[in-house]
N, C-alpha and C. Protein backbone atom coordinates (compact mmCIF):
# COMPACT_ATOMS: atom_id res chain seq x y z
N MET A 1 0.84 -1.18 0.00
CA MET A 1 0.00 0.00 0.00
C MET A 1 0.88 1.24 0.00
N LEU A 2 0.55 2.24 -0.79
CA LEU A 2 1.30 3.47 -0.88
C LEU A 2 1.17 4.27 0.41
N ASN A 3 2.31 4.71 0.91
CA ASN A 3 2.32 5.54 2.11
C ASN A 3 1.76 6.92 1.76
N LYS A 4 0.69 7.33 2.37
CA LYS A 4 0.04 8.59 2.05
C LYS A 4 0.86 9.80 2.51
N VAL A 5 1.83 9.59 3.40
CA VAL A 5 2.66 10.68 3.89
C VAL A 5 3.81 10.95 2.93
N SER A 6 4.29 9.93 2.25
CA SER A 6 5.43 10.05 1.35
C SER A 6 4.98 10.32 -0.07
N ALA A 7 5.79 11.13 -0.77
CA ALA A 7 5.51 11.44 -2.17
C ALA A 7 6.04 10.36 -3.10
N SER A 8 6.86 9.47 -2.59
CA SER A 8 7.53 8.46 -3.40
C SER A 8 7.04 7.06 -3.06
N LYS A 9 7.07 6.18 -4.04
CA LYS A 9 6.76 4.77 -3.81
C LYS A 9 7.98 4.02 -3.28
N VAL A 10 9.17 4.61 -3.43
CA VAL A 10 10.42 3.96 -3.05
C VAL A 10 11.01 4.57 -1.78
N PHE A 11 11.03 5.89 -1.71
CA PHE A 11 11.68 6.60 -0.61
C PHE A 11 10.66 7.26 0.31
N ASP A 12 11.09 7.53 1.51
CA ASP A 12 10.27 8.25 2.48
C ASP A 12 10.56 9.74 2.33
N ILE A 13 9.90 10.38 1.38
CA ILE A 13 10.14 11.80 1.07
C ILE A 13 8.84 12.57 1.30
N PRO A 14 8.94 13.71 2.00
CA PRO A 14 7.73 14.52 2.21
C PRO A 14 7.12 14.99 0.89
N LYS A 15 5.89 15.43 0.96
CA LYS A 15 5.20 15.93 -0.24
C LYS A 15 5.73 17.31 -0.63
N PHE A 16 5.29 17.80 -1.78
CA PHE A 16 5.80 19.03 -2.38
C PHE A 16 5.74 20.22 -1.43
N TYR A 17 4.68 20.35 -0.64
CA TYR A 17 4.53 21.50 0.25
C TYR A 17 5.75 21.69 1.15
N TYR A 18 6.35 20.61 1.62
CA TYR A 18 7.54 20.67 2.47
C TYR A 18 8.67 21.41 1.76
N PHE A 19 8.86 21.12 0.48
CA PHE A 19 9.94 21.74 -0.28
C PHE A 19 9.56 23.14 -0.74
N ASP A 20 8.31 23.34 -1.09
CA ASP A 20 7.86 24.67 -1.51
C ASP A 20 7.95 25.65 -0.34
N SER A 21 8.00 25.13 0.87
CA SER A 21 8.18 25.98 2.06
C SER A 21 9.65 26.31 2.31
N GLY A 22 10.54 25.81 1.44
CA GLY A 22 11.96 26.15 1.52
C GLY A 22 12.83 25.16 2.26
N ASN A 23 12.33 23.99 2.56
CA ASN A 23 13.10 23.00 3.32
C ASN A 23 13.93 22.09 2.41
N ASP A 24 15.08 21.66 2.92
CA ASP A 24 15.92 20.67 2.26
C ASP A 24 15.67 19.31 2.91
N TYR A 25 16.13 18.24 2.25
CA TYR A 25 15.87 16.90 2.77
C TYR A 25 16.94 15.95 2.25
N SER A 26 17.35 15.02 3.08
CA SER A 26 18.28 13.98 2.63
C SER A 26 17.87 12.65 3.22
N GLY A 27 18.30 11.59 2.56
CA GLY A 27 17.97 10.26 3.03
C GLY A 27 18.78 9.21 2.30
N SER A 28 18.51 7.96 2.63
CA SER A 28 19.21 6.86 1.97
C SER A 28 18.35 5.61 2.02
N LEU A 29 18.68 4.70 1.13
CA LEU A 29 18.05 3.39 1.08
C LEU A 29 19.13 2.43 0.63
N ASP A 30 19.44 1.45 1.45
CA ASP A 30 20.59 0.56 1.22
C ASP A 30 21.84 1.45 1.14
N ASP A 31 22.62 1.34 0.08
CA ASP A 31 23.82 2.18 -0.03
C ASP A 31 23.59 3.38 -0.95
N PHE A 32 22.35 3.62 -1.37
CA PHE A 32 21.99 4.74 -2.23
C PHE A 32 21.57 5.92 -1.36
N SER A 33 22.26 7.04 -1.53
CA SER A 33 21.96 8.25 -0.75
C SER A 33 21.52 9.36 -1.68
N TYR A 34 20.73 10.27 -1.14
CA TYR A 34 20.24 11.39 -1.93
C TYR A 34 20.05 12.62 -1.06
N LYS A 35 20.10 13.78 -1.70
CA LYS A 35 19.83 15.04 -1.02
C LYS A 35 19.02 15.90 -1.97
N ILE A 36 18.01 16.57 -1.42
CA ILE A 36 17.15 17.46 -2.18
C ILE A 36 17.30 18.85 -1.56
N ILE A 37 17.73 19.81 -2.37
CA ILE A 37 17.97 21.18 -1.91
C ILE A 37 16.97 22.10 -2.60
N THR A 38 16.34 22.96 -1.82
CA THR A 38 15.32 23.86 -2.35
C THR A 38 15.86 25.28 -2.41
N HIS A 39 15.90 25.85 -3.60
CA HIS A 39 16.18 27.27 -3.83
C HIS A 39 15.14 27.74 -4.82
N GLU A 40 15.53 28.52 -5.82
CA GLU A 40 14.58 28.91 -6.86
C GLU A 40 14.12 27.68 -7.62
N LYS A 41 15.00 26.70 -7.72
CA LYS A 41 14.67 25.40 -8.31
C LYS A 41 14.89 24.34 -7.23
N ILE A 42 14.51 23.12 -7.53
CA ILE A 42 14.78 21.99 -6.64
C ILE A 42 15.94 21.21 -7.25
N LYS A 43 17.01 21.03 -6.47
CA LYS A 43 18.17 20.27 -6.94
C LYS A 43 18.20 18.94 -6.21
N ALA A 44 18.34 17.86 -6.97
CA ALA A 44 18.46 16.52 -6.39
C ALA A 44 19.84 15.98 -6.73
N MET A 45 20.48 15.38 -5.74
CA MET A 45 21.81 14.79 -5.90
C MET A 45 21.78 13.36 -5.40
N THR A 46 22.55 12.48 -6.04
CA THR A 46 22.63 11.09 -5.59
C THR A 46 24.07 10.64 -5.54
N TRP A 47 24.33 9.68 -4.66
CA TRP A 47 25.64 9.05 -4.53
C TRP A 47 25.47 7.73 -3.80
N HIS A 48 26.50 6.94 -3.80
CA HIS A 48 26.47 5.67 -3.07
C HIS A 48 27.41 5.75 -1.88
N GLY A 49 27.00 5.16 -0.78
CA GLY A 49 27.82 5.13 0.42
C GLY A 49 27.15 5.89 1.55
N LYS A 50 27.79 5.83 2.69
CA LYS A 50 27.22 6.41 3.91
C LYS A 50 27.77 7.80 4.24
N LEU A 51 28.65 8.35 3.40
CA LEU A 51 29.17 9.68 3.65
C LEU A 51 28.10 10.74 3.41
N CYS A 52 28.22 11.88 4.10
CA CYS A 52 27.31 12.98 3.85
C CYS A 52 27.62 13.59 2.48
N SER A 53 26.71 14.40 1.97
CA SER A 53 26.86 14.94 0.61
C SER A 53 28.10 15.82 0.47
N GLU A 54 28.52 16.48 1.55
CA GLU A 54 29.70 17.34 1.47
C GLU A 54 30.99 16.53 1.31
N LYS A 55 31.00 15.30 1.76
CA LYS A 55 32.21 14.47 1.69
C LYS A 55 32.14 13.39 0.61
N ALA A 56 30.96 13.12 0.11
CA ALA A 56 30.76 12.06 -0.88
C ALA A 56 31.09 12.57 -2.28
N LYS A 57 31.33 11.63 -3.17
CA LYS A 57 31.47 11.95 -4.60
C LYS A 57 30.06 11.88 -5.20
N ILE A 58 29.50 13.04 -5.54
CA ILE A 58 28.16 13.10 -6.11
C ILE A 58 28.19 12.46 -7.49
N GLU A 59 27.36 11.46 -7.70
CA GLU A 59 27.35 10.73 -8.96
C GLU A 59 26.41 11.37 -9.99
N HIS A 60 25.28 11.87 -9.51
CA HIS A 60 24.29 12.47 -10.41
C HIS A 60 23.65 13.66 -9.71
N GLU A 61 23.37 14.70 -10.47
CA GLU A 61 22.57 15.80 -9.93
C GLU A 61 21.76 16.41 -11.06
N GLU A 62 20.61 16.91 -10.68
CA GLU A 62 19.68 17.45 -11.68
C GLU A 62 18.85 18.54 -11.02
N ASP A 63 18.54 19.59 -11.78
CA ASP A 63 17.66 20.66 -11.31
C ASP A 63 16.27 20.48 -11.88
N PHE A 64 15.27 20.82 -11.08
CA PHE A 64 13.88 20.70 -11.47
C PHE A 64 13.15 21.98 -11.08
N GLU A 65 12.11 22.30 -11.83
CA GLU A 65 11.30 23.47 -11.51
C GLU A 65 10.68 23.31 -10.12
N ARG A 66 10.56 24.42 -9.41
CA ARG A 66 9.96 24.39 -8.07
C ARG A 66 8.43 24.53 -8.21
N THR A 67 7.85 23.52 -8.84
CA THR A 67 6.41 23.41 -9.03
C THR A 67 6.03 21.97 -8.70
N GLN A 68 4.74 21.70 -8.61
CA GLN A 68 4.32 20.32 -8.36
C GLN A 68 4.78 19.41 -9.48
N ASP A 69 4.67 19.87 -10.74
CA ASP A 69 5.12 19.06 -11.87
C ASP A 69 6.63 18.81 -11.81
N GLY A 70 7.40 19.84 -11.48
CA GLY A 70 8.85 19.68 -11.34
C GLY A 70 9.19 18.72 -10.21
N PHE A 71 8.47 18.83 -9.12
CA PHE A 71 8.68 17.94 -7.98
C PHE A 71 8.36 16.49 -8.36
N ASP A 72 7.26 16.29 -9.07
CA ASP A 72 6.90 14.94 -9.52
C ASP A 72 7.97 14.36 -10.44
N ALA A 73 8.52 15.21 -11.32
CA ALA A 73 9.60 14.77 -12.21
C ALA A 73 10.85 14.41 -11.41
N MET A 74 11.13 15.17 -10.35
CA MET A 74 12.29 14.90 -9.50
C MET A 74 12.12 13.56 -8.78
N ILE A 75 10.94 13.29 -8.26
CA ILE A 75 10.68 12.00 -7.59
C ILE A 75 10.89 10.86 -8.58
N LYS A 76 10.35 10.99 -9.78
CA LYS A 76 10.51 9.95 -10.80
C LYS A 76 11.99 9.76 -11.13
N TRP A 77 12.73 10.85 -11.27
CA TRP A 77 14.17 10.79 -11.57
C TRP A 77 14.92 10.07 -10.45
N LEU A 78 14.64 10.42 -9.19
CA LEU A 78 15.29 9.75 -8.05
C LEU A 78 15.01 8.26 -8.05
N GLU A 79 13.76 7.89 -8.25
CA GLU A 79 13.39 6.47 -8.26
C GLU A 79 14.11 5.74 -9.40
N GLU A 80 14.21 6.37 -10.57
CA GLU A 80 14.92 5.76 -11.69
C GLU A 80 16.41 5.58 -11.38
N GLN A 81 17.02 6.58 -10.74
CA GLN A 81 18.43 6.48 -10.37
C GLN A 81 18.65 5.29 -9.44
N PHE A 82 17.76 5.12 -8.48
CA PHE A 82 17.85 4.00 -7.53
C PHE A 82 17.66 2.66 -8.25
N LEU A 83 16.60 2.56 -9.04
CA LEU A 83 16.26 1.29 -9.67
C LEU A 83 17.26 0.87 -10.73
N GLU A 84 17.98 1.83 -11.34
CA GLU A 84 19.03 1.51 -12.30
C GLU A 84 20.13 0.66 -11.66
N LYS A 85 20.42 0.93 -10.41
CA LYS A 85 21.53 0.28 -9.71
C LYS A 85 21.09 -0.93 -8.89
N HIS A 86 19.78 -1.16 -8.78
CA HIS A 86 19.30 -2.26 -7.92
C HIS A 86 18.44 -3.22 -8.69
């Protein structure tokens, strides 16, 4: 069953309102880590390992519009990045 609190089917990520309010978020699943940074756009970064984003080698990053559609595209992109490696 889909978690109604999470925007993702794979990750425990808050819904768009959390990010539209200017909040950042990071998390991990297995050895896949990600960080979502909110500015004028939403930036998503991914890497493998347990290091924080400042110390890790960022493998992929992408900017998305700070809209619900951009957020939905970012969630899809994150899920694809994870599923590519698993």
